[in-house]
Structures are given as C-alpha cells and as structure tokens.
Amino acid sequence: MIQSYVLLGTLGVHSIEDIRERKITVTVTLFSGIVGILLHLLFQNQSIFAMLFGMVPGILVLALGRITHGQIGAGDGIVFMLTGFYLGVLENIMLMLLSFTMAGIWGFLMLATGRCKQNDRLPLIPFLFLGYMGMLFG
C-alpha cells in the first residue's frame, strides 16, 4: 500500500509540473524509482522481472515519441516506465488505456467548445494521476 501512495504522490507532483511547465522534473522520477526499489526490497510484492517487464509500455511510448518527432513527450514515456515499474505490465496497460481515454474525451470536449485548436497540446500526466486515483479508490 505504501508503494501506491508513493506513486500517487509522484503522479500528483508531475501533474502540477505538466500543467504549469509542460515538462517534468527527472529528479522526482528518479527519487520515486529509487524509493520503489527500496520498497521492493522490503515488501517484494512482485518479482523484479514483473517490475522490469512493466516498464515495456513506457519504452514503447518513448519510441512512439521519437517516431512522431515529439508529438508524444519523452516525459510521458518516462512516467509510464515508472508506473510500470510500480504496477507491472497489465495494470500499466490498463492505466494507459484509462488515461488515453480520459485525455481523448477531454481533448474532444475542448475542441468542440472551441477552447483549443486541433494542434494544441494537452498535458497527459494529469490524466494519469486521475486514472490511477480511479484504479486505487474506484
């Protein structure tokens, strides 16, 4: 349970950064990753292989960002690697689907109401935060 709150706190901090500055602080992510390793050593809720395999979707998001020339931010891929490290691959994919769905609905509503243009960028990490809250408390 401690891992859940550490990840939730990290996503909360990154959400604020993503909204305000459109970037994340790698130091926060690194610190959260180190805490994740220490918590794994203490509680061992999943195997180290499950943790590393959970990072694969984040690596794919990073690759997609490179292929699309930055249409998907590198920070988003790094955060998905972190969430995968904590959650494992299946829960990380579920979080991704939930987050992308919420972001898509929000983007559609913003476009439909004329509050943004088609090429405007939305911060994704707040939707990760909301999605993870839904997974935890829903």
N, C-alpha and C. Protein backbone atom coordinates (compact mmCIF):
# COMPACT_ATOMS: atom_id res chain seq x y z
N MET A 1 0.81 -1.20 0.00
CA MET A 1 0.00 0.00 0.00
C MET A 1 0.86 1.26 0.00
N ILE A 2 2.02 1.18 0.65
CA ILE A 2 2.92 2.33 0.67
C ILE A 2 3.34 2.68 -0.75
N GLN A 3 3.61 1.64 -1.55
CA GLN A 3 4.01 1.87 -2.94
C GLN A 3 2.94 2.66 -3.68
N SER A 4 1.68 2.35 -3.43
CA SER A 4 0.58 3.03 -4.11
C SER A 4 0.59 4.53 -3.79
N TYR A 5 0.81 4.86 -2.55
CA TYR A 5 0.80 6.26 -2.16
C TYR A 5 2.04 7.01 -2.65
N VAL A 6 3.17 6.32 -2.70
CA VAL A 6 4.38 6.95 -3.27
C VAL A 6 4.14 7.26 -4.74
N LEU A 7 3.58 6.30 -5.48
CA LEU A 7 3.31 6.52 -6.89
C LEU A 7 2.26 7.61 -7.08
N LEU A 8 1.22 7.61 -6.27
CA LEU A 8 0.18 8.64 -6.36
C LEU A 8 0.77 10.02 -6.10
N GLY A 9 1.62 10.13 -5.09
CA GLY A 9 2.27 11.41 -4.80
C GLY A 9 3.16 11.88 -5.94
N THR A 10 3.90 10.95 -6.51
CA THR A 10 4.77 11.28 -7.64
C THR A 10 3.95 11.77 -8.82
N LEU A 11 2.86 11.06 -9.13
CA LEU A 11 2.00 11.47 -10.24
C LEU A 11 1.35 12.82 -9.96
N GLY A 12 1.03 13.09 -8.69
CA GLY A 12 0.47 14.39 -8.32
C GLY A 12 1.45 15.52 -8.57
N VAL A 13 2.69 15.33 -8.14
CA VAL A 13 3.73 16.34 -8.37
C VAL A 13 3.96 16.54 -9.86
N HIS A 14 4.07 15.44 -10.60
CA HIS A 14 4.29 15.54 -12.04
C HIS A 14 3.10 16.17 -12.77
N SER A 15 1.89 15.95 -12.26
CA SER A 15 0.70 16.56 -12.87
C SER A 15 0.78 18.08 -12.79
N ILE A 16 1.15 18.57 -11.62
CA ILE A 16 1.28 20.02 -11.44
C ILE A 16 2.35 20.56 -12.37
N GLU A 17 3.50 19.87 -12.43
CA GLU A 17 4.58 20.31 -13.32
C GLU A 17 4.13 20.31 -14.78
N ASP A 18 3.42 19.26 -15.19
CA ASP A 18 3.00 19.12 -16.58
C ASP A 18 2.00 20.22 -16.95
N ILE A 19 1.11 20.55 -16.05
CA ILE A 19 0.13 21.61 -16.31
C ILE A 19 0.83 22.97 -16.39
N ARG A 20 1.69 23.25 -15.44
CA ARG A 20 2.34 24.57 -15.36
C ARG A 20 3.43 24.78 -16.41
N GLU A 21 4.30 23.78 -16.57
CA GLU A 21 5.51 23.97 -17.36
C GLU A 21 5.61 23.11 -18.60
N ARG A 22 4.68 22.16 -18.76
CA ARG A 22 4.69 21.22 -19.89
C ARG A 22 5.94 20.34 -19.90
N LYS A 23 6.52 20.12 -18.72
CA LYS A 23 7.65 19.21 -18.58
C LYS A 23 7.67 18.69 -17.15
N ILE A 24 8.44 17.64 -16.93
CA ILE A 24 8.55 17.07 -15.60
C ILE A 24 10.00 17.16 -15.12
N THR A 25 10.16 17.05 -13.81
CA THR A 25 11.49 17.06 -13.20
C THR A 25 11.97 15.61 -13.09
N VAL A 26 13.04 15.31 -13.77
CA VAL A 26 13.56 13.94 -13.78
C VAL A 26 14.02 13.54 -12.38
N THR A 27 14.45 14.49 -11.57
CA THR A 27 14.90 14.19 -10.21
C THR A 27 13.78 13.54 -9.40
N VAL A 28 12.56 14.06 -9.54
CA VAL A 28 11.42 13.49 -8.82
C VAL A 28 11.18 12.06 -9.28
N THR A 29 11.25 11.83 -10.57
CA THR A 29 11.05 10.48 -11.12
C THR A 29 12.15 9.54 -10.64
N LEU A 30 13.37 10.00 -10.68
CA LEU A 30 14.50 9.18 -10.22
C LEU A 30 14.35 8.84 -8.74
N PHE A 31 14.01 9.83 -7.93
CA PHE A 31 13.81 9.60 -6.50
C PHE A 31 12.70 8.57 -6.27
N SER A 32 11.61 8.70 -7.00
CA SER A 32 10.50 7.76 -6.87
C SER A 32 10.91 6.36 -7.30
N GLY A 33 11.74 6.26 -8.33
CA GLY A 33 12.25 4.96 -8.76
C GLY A 33 13.13 4.31 -7.71
N ILE A 34 13.98 5.11 -7.07
CA ILE A 34 14.85 4.59 -6.00
C ILE A 34 14.00 4.13 -4.82
N VAL A 35 13.00 4.94 -4.46
CA VAL A 35 12.10 4.54 -3.38
C VAL A 35 11.38 3.24 -3.76
N GLY A 36 10.99 3.11 -5.02
CA GLY A 36 10.34 1.89 -5.49
C GLY A 36 11.23 0.66 -5.33
N ILE A 37 12.50 0.82 -5.62
CA ILE A 37 13.46 -0.29 -5.45
C ILE A 37 13.57 -0.66 -3.97
N LEU A 38 13.70 0.35 -3.11
CA LEU A 38 13.81 0.08 -1.67
C LEU A 38 12.55 -0.59 -1.13
N LEU A 39 11.39 -0.12 -1.57
CA LEU A 39 10.14 -0.74 -1.13
C LEU A 39 10.02 -2.16 -1.65
N HIS A 40 10.53 -2.39 -2.85
CA HIS A 40 10.53 -3.77 -3.37
C HIS A 40 11.39 -4.68 -2.50
N LEU A 41 12.54 -4.18 -2.10
CA LEU A 41 13.43 -4.98 -1.25
C LEU A 41 12.76 -5.29 0.09
N LEU A 42 11.96 -4.36 0.60
CA LEU A 42 11.28 -4.57 1.88
C LEU A 42 10.07 -5.49 1.77
N PHE A 43 9.23 -5.28 0.76
CA PHE A 43 7.94 -5.96 0.70
C PHE A 43 7.84 -7.04 -0.37
N GLN A 44 8.58 -6.93 -1.44
CA GLN A 44 8.60 -7.88 -2.55
C GLN A 44 7.19 -8.33 -2.96
N ASN A 45 6.37 -7.35 -3.35
CA ASN A 45 5.01 -7.63 -3.80
C ASN A 45 4.98 -8.29 -5.17
N GLN A 46 6.00 -8.05 -5.98
CA GLN A 46 6.09 -8.67 -7.30
C GLN A 46 7.56 -8.93 -7.62
N SER A 47 7.79 -9.79 -8.58
CA SER A 47 9.17 -10.14 -8.92
C SER A 47 9.85 -8.97 -9.62
N ILE A 48 11.14 -8.96 -9.59
CA ILE A 48 11.91 -7.92 -10.28
C ILE A 48 11.66 -7.99 -11.79
N PHE A 49 11.41 -9.20 -12.30
CA PHE A 49 11.13 -9.36 -13.72
C PHE A 49 9.79 -8.73 -14.08
N ALA A 50 8.79 -8.88 -13.20
CA ALA A 50 7.49 -8.26 -13.43
C ALA A 50 7.63 -6.73 -13.42
N MET A 51 8.47 -6.24 -12.53
CA MET A 51 8.69 -4.79 -12.46
C MET A 51 9.35 -4.29 -13.74
N LEU A 52 10.36 -4.99 -14.19
CA LEU A 52 11.08 -4.57 -15.41
C LEU A 52 10.20 -4.74 -16.65
N PHE A 53 9.45 -5.82 -16.72
CA PHE A 53 8.55 -6.04 -17.85
C PHE A 53 7.44 -4.98 -17.87
N GLY A 54 7.05 -4.52 -16.69
CA GLY A 54 6.05 -3.46 -16.59
C GLY A 54 6.50 -2.15 -17.22
N MET A 55 7.79 -1.98 -17.37
CA MET A 55 8.33 -0.75 -17.96
C MET A 55 8.24 -0.75 -19.49
N VAL A 56 7.99 -1.90 -20.10
CA VAL A 56 7.97 -2.02 -21.57
C VAL A 56 6.97 -1.06 -22.23
N PRO A 57 5.72 -0.94 -21.72
CA PRO A 57 4.82 0.02 -22.36
C PRO A 57 5.37 1.45 -22.37
N GLY A 58 6.06 1.84 -21.31
CA GLY A 58 6.68 3.17 -21.27
C GLY A 58 7.78 3.31 -22.30
N ILE A 59 8.54 2.24 -22.49
CA ILE A 59 9.58 2.26 -23.52
C ILE A 59 8.95 2.41 -24.90
N LEU A 60 7.82 1.74 -25.11
CA LEU A 60 7.11 1.87 -26.39
C LEU A 60 6.58 3.29 -26.59
N VAL A 61 6.11 3.93 -25.52
CA VAL A 61 5.66 5.33 -25.61
C VAL A 61 6.84 6.23 -25.96
N LEU A 62 8.00 5.97 -25.36
CA LEU A 62 9.20 6.74 -25.72
C LEU A 62 9.54 6.56 -27.19
N ALA A 63 9.47 5.33 -27.67
CA ALA A 63 9.76 5.06 -29.08
C ALA A 63 8.75 5.77 -29.98
N LEU A 64 7.47 5.74 -29.60
CA LEU A 64 6.44 6.44 -30.37
C LEU A 64 6.71 7.94 -30.42
N GLY A 65 7.18 8.47 -29.31
CA GLY A 65 7.53 9.89 -29.28
C GLY A 65 8.65 10.22 -30.26
N ARG A 66 9.61 9.33 -30.37
CA ARG A 66 10.71 9.53 -31.33
C ARG A 66 10.20 9.42 -32.76
N ILE A 67 9.35 8.42 -33.01
CA ILE A 67 8.83 8.21 -34.36
C ILE A 67 7.97 9.39 -34.81
N THR A 68 7.19 9.96 -33.88
CA THR A 68 6.29 11.08 -34.22
C THR A 68 6.97 12.43 -34.04
N HIS A 69 8.27 12.43 -33.86
CA HIS A 69 9.06 13.67 -33.72
C HIS A 69 8.55 14.55 -32.58
N GLY A 70 8.30 13.94 -31.43
CA GLY A 70 7.95 14.69 -30.23
C GLY A 70 6.48 14.99 -30.04
N GLN A 71 5.60 14.40 -30.86
CA GLN A 71 4.17 14.61 -30.64
C GLN A 71 3.74 14.04 -29.29
N ILE A 72 4.40 13.00 -28.87
CA ILE A 72 4.23 12.46 -27.51
C ILE A 72 5.52 12.80 -26.78
N GLY A 73 5.38 13.46 -25.64
CA GLY A 73 6.55 13.92 -24.91
C GLY A 73 7.35 12.78 -24.29
N ALA A 74 8.65 12.99 -24.21
CA ALA A 74 9.53 11.99 -23.59
C ALA A 74 9.19 11.82 -22.12
N GLY A 75 8.77 12.89 -21.48
CA GLY A 75 8.38 12.80 -20.07
C GLY A 75 7.23 11.84 -19.85
N ASP A 76 6.30 11.80 -20.80
CA ASP A 76 5.18 10.87 -20.69
C ASP A 76 5.68 9.43 -20.72
N GLY A 77 6.60 9.13 -21.61
CA GLY A 77 7.18 7.79 -21.69
C GLY A 77 7.93 7.42 -20.42
N ILE A 78 8.68 8.38 -19.89
CA ILE A 78 9.44 8.12 -18.66
C ILE A 78 8.50 7.85 -17.50
N VAL A 79 7.42 8.61 -17.42
CA VAL A 79 6.46 8.40 -16.33
C VAL A 79 5.75 7.06 -16.50
N PHE A 80 5.44 6.67 -17.74
CA PHE A 80 4.84 5.35 -17.96
C PHE A 80 5.83 4.23 -17.61
N MET A 81 7.11 4.46 -17.79
CA MET A 81 8.10 3.47 -17.34
C MET A 81 8.05 3.36 -15.82
N LEU A 82 7.94 4.50 -15.14
CA LEU A 82 7.87 4.49 -13.68
C LEU A 82 6.60 3.79 -13.19
N THR A 83 5.46 4.11 -13.80
CA THR A 83 4.22 3.46 -13.37
C THR A 83 4.29 1.95 -13.61
N GLY A 84 4.91 1.56 -14.71
CA GLY A 84 5.07 0.13 -14.99
C GLY A 84 5.97 -0.56 -13.98
N PHE A 85 6.97 0.16 -13.53
CA PHE A 85 7.89 -0.36 -12.53
C PHE A 85 7.12 -0.66 -11.24
N TYR A 86 6.19 0.20 -10.89
CA TYR A 86 5.39 0.01 -9.67
C TYR A 86 4.24 -0.97 -9.88
N LEU A 87 3.60 -0.93 -11.05
CA LEU A 87 2.35 -1.65 -11.24
C LEU A 87 2.48 -3.00 -11.94
N GLY A 88 3.48 -3.17 -12.76
CA GLY A 88 3.55 -4.35 -13.61
C GLY A 88 2.88 -4.04 -14.94
N VAL A 89 3.03 -4.94 -15.89
CA VAL A 89 2.62 -4.66 -17.26
C VAL A 89 1.10 -4.56 -17.44
N LEU A 90 0.34 -5.47 -16.85
CA LEU A 90 -1.11 -5.46 -17.09
C LEU A 90 -1.78 -4.23 -16.49
N GLU A 91 -1.45 -3.91 -15.26
CA GLU A 91 -2.04 -2.72 -14.64
C GLU A 91 -1.55 -1.45 -15.31
N ASN A 92 -0.31 -1.45 -15.80
CA ASN A 92 0.20 -0.27 -16.51
C ASN A 92 -0.54 -0.07 -17.82
N ILE A 93 -0.81 -1.14 -18.53
CA ILE A 93 -1.58 -1.03 -19.78
C ILE A 93 -3.00 -0.55 -19.48
N MET A 94 -3.58 -1.06 -18.40
CA MET A 94 -4.92 -0.61 -18.01
C MET A 94 -4.89 0.89 -17.69
N LEU A 95 -3.86 1.34 -16.98
CA LEU A 95 -3.71 2.76 -16.66
C LEU A 95 -3.54 3.59 -17.93
N MET A 96 -2.76 3.08 -18.86
CA MET A 96 -2.55 3.78 -20.13
C MET A 96 -3.88 3.94 -20.88
N LEU A 97 -4.63 2.86 -20.99
CA LEU A 97 -5.91 2.91 -21.70
C LEU A 97 -6.87 3.88 -21.03
N LEU A 98 -6.93 3.84 -19.74
CA LEU A 98 -7.80 4.74 -18.99
C LEU A 98 -7.37 6.19 -19.18
N SER A 99 -6.09 6.44 -19.08
CA SER A 99 -5.55 7.80 -19.22
C SER A 99 -5.76 8.35 -20.63
N PHE A 100 -5.45 7.53 -21.63
CA PHE A 100 -5.63 7.97 -23.02
C PHE A 100 -7.10 8.23 -23.33
N THR A 101 -7.97 7.40 -22.77
CA THR A 101 -9.41 7.59 -22.99
C THR A 101 -9.87 8.91 -22.38
N MET A 102 -9.49 9.15 -21.14
CA MET A 102 -9.89 10.41 -20.48
C MET A 102 -9.30 11.62 -21.21
N ALA A 103 -8.04 11.53 -21.61
CA ALA A 103 -7.42 12.64 -22.33
C ALA A 103 -8.12 12.87 -23.67
N GLY A 104 -8.49 11.79 -24.36
CA GLY A 104 -9.20 11.91 -25.63
C GLY A 104 -10.56 12.57 -25.48
N ILE A 105 -11.28 12.18 -24.44
CA ILE A 105 -12.59 12.78 -24.19
C ILE A 105 -12.43 14.27 -23.86
N TRP A 106 -11.47 14.58 -23.01
CA TRP A 106 -11.21 15.98 -22.65
C TRP A 106 -10.81 16.79 -23.89
N GLY A 107 -9.92 16.23 -24.69
CA GLY A 107 -9.50 16.92 -25.92
C GLY A 107 -10.66 17.16 -26.86
N PHE A 108 -11.53 16.16 -27.00
CA PHE A 108 -12.71 16.32 -27.86
C PHE A 108 -13.60 17.44 -27.33
N LEU A 109 -13.84 17.46 -26.03
CA LEU A 109 -14.68 18.50 -25.44
C LEU A 109 -14.05 19.89 -25.62
N MET A 110 -12.75 19.97 -25.46
CA MET A 110 -12.05 21.26 -25.65
C MET A 110 -12.17 21.72 -27.09
N LEU A 111 -12.02 20.81 -28.04
CA LEU A 111 -12.18 21.14 -29.46
C LEU A 111 -13.62 21.54 -29.78
N ALA A 112 -14.57 20.77 -29.27
CA ALA A 112 -15.98 21.01 -29.57
C ALA A 112 -16.46 22.36 -29.03
N THR A 113 -15.90 22.78 -27.92
CA THR A 113 -16.30 24.05 -27.33
C THR A 113 -15.45 25.22 -27.81
N GLY A 114 -14.48 24.94 -28.65
CA GLY A 114 -13.62 25.99 -29.19
C GLY A 114 -12.59 26.51 -28.22
N ARG A 115 -12.31 25.78 -27.15
CA ARG A 115 -11.34 26.22 -26.15
C ARG A 115 -9.91 25.87 -26.52
N CYS A 116 -9.75 25.06 -27.57
CA CYS A 116 -8.41 24.77 -28.09
C CYS A 116 -8.52 24.46 -29.57
N LYS A 117 -7.36 24.46 -30.21
CA LYS A 117 -7.29 24.15 -31.64
C LYS A 117 -6.78 22.72 -31.81
N GLN A 118 -6.90 22.21 -33.02
CA GLN A 118 -6.54 20.83 -33.30
C GLN A 118 -5.07 20.53 -32.98
N ASN A 119 -4.18 21.47 -33.19
CA ASN A 119 -2.75 21.22 -32.97
C ASN A 119 -2.27 21.58 -31.57
N ASP A 120 -3.16 22.04 -30.70
CA ASP A 120 -2.77 22.35 -29.33
C ASP A 120 -2.41 21.06 -28.60
N ARG A 121 -1.52 21.18 -27.63
CA ARG A 121 -1.07 20.01 -26.88
C ARG A 121 -1.73 19.99 -25.51
N LEU A 122 -2.13 18.82 -25.10
CA LEU A 122 -2.71 18.62 -23.77
C LEU A 122 -1.67 17.95 -22.88
N PRO A 123 -1.59 18.36 -21.62
CA PRO A 123 -0.73 17.62 -20.69
C PRO A 123 -1.36 16.26 -20.40
N LEU A 124 -0.59 15.20 -20.48
CA LEU A 124 -1.13 13.86 -20.29
C LEU A 124 -1.06 13.38 -18.85
N ILE A 125 -0.06 13.80 -18.12
CA ILE A 125 0.17 13.24 -16.79
C ILE A 125 -0.98 13.52 -15.82
N PRO A 126 -1.68 14.66 -15.90
CA PRO A 126 -2.85 14.80 -15.02
C PRO A 126 -3.90 13.71 -15.24
N PHE A 127 -4.02 13.23 -16.47
CA PHE A 127 -4.96 12.14 -16.74
C PHE A 127 -4.43 10.81 -16.18
N LEU A 128 -3.11 10.67 -16.16
CA LEU A 128 -2.51 9.51 -15.49
C LEU A 128 -2.84 9.53 -14.01
N PHE A 129 -2.69 10.70 -13.41
CA PHE A 129 -2.98 10.87 -11.99
C PHE A 129 -4.44 10.53 -11.70
N LEU A 130 -5.35 11.08 -12.48
CA LEU A 130 -6.78 10.80 -12.29
C LEU A 130 -7.10 9.33 -12.52
N GLY A 131 -6.49 8.75 -13.56
CA GLY A 131 -6.71 7.34 -13.85
C GLY A 131 -6.21 6.45 -12.72
N TYR A 132 -5.05 6.79 -12.18
CA TYR A 132 -4.51 5.98 -11.08
C TYR A 132 -5.36 6.15 -9.83
N MET A 133 -5.86 7.36 -9.58
CA MET A 133 -6.77 7.55 -8.45
C MET A 133 -8.00 6.68 -8.61
N GLY A 134 -8.52 6.63 -9.84
CA GLY A 134 -9.67 5.77 -10.11
C GLY A 134 -9.37 4.31 -9.88
N MET A 135 -8.18 3.88 -10.28
CA MET A 135 -7.80 2.48 -10.07
C MET A 135 -7.66 2.17 -8.57
N LEU A 136 -7.12 3.11 -7.82
CA LEU A 136 -6.91 2.89 -6.40
C LEU A 136 -8.19 2.91 -5.58
N PHE A 137 -9.01 3.93 -5.85
CA PHE A 137 -10.15 4.20 -4.97
C PHE A 137 -11.49 3.86 -5.61
N GLY A 138 -11.47 3.44 -6.88
CA GLY A 138 -12.73 3.16 -7.58
C GLY A 138 -13.25 1.78 -7.38
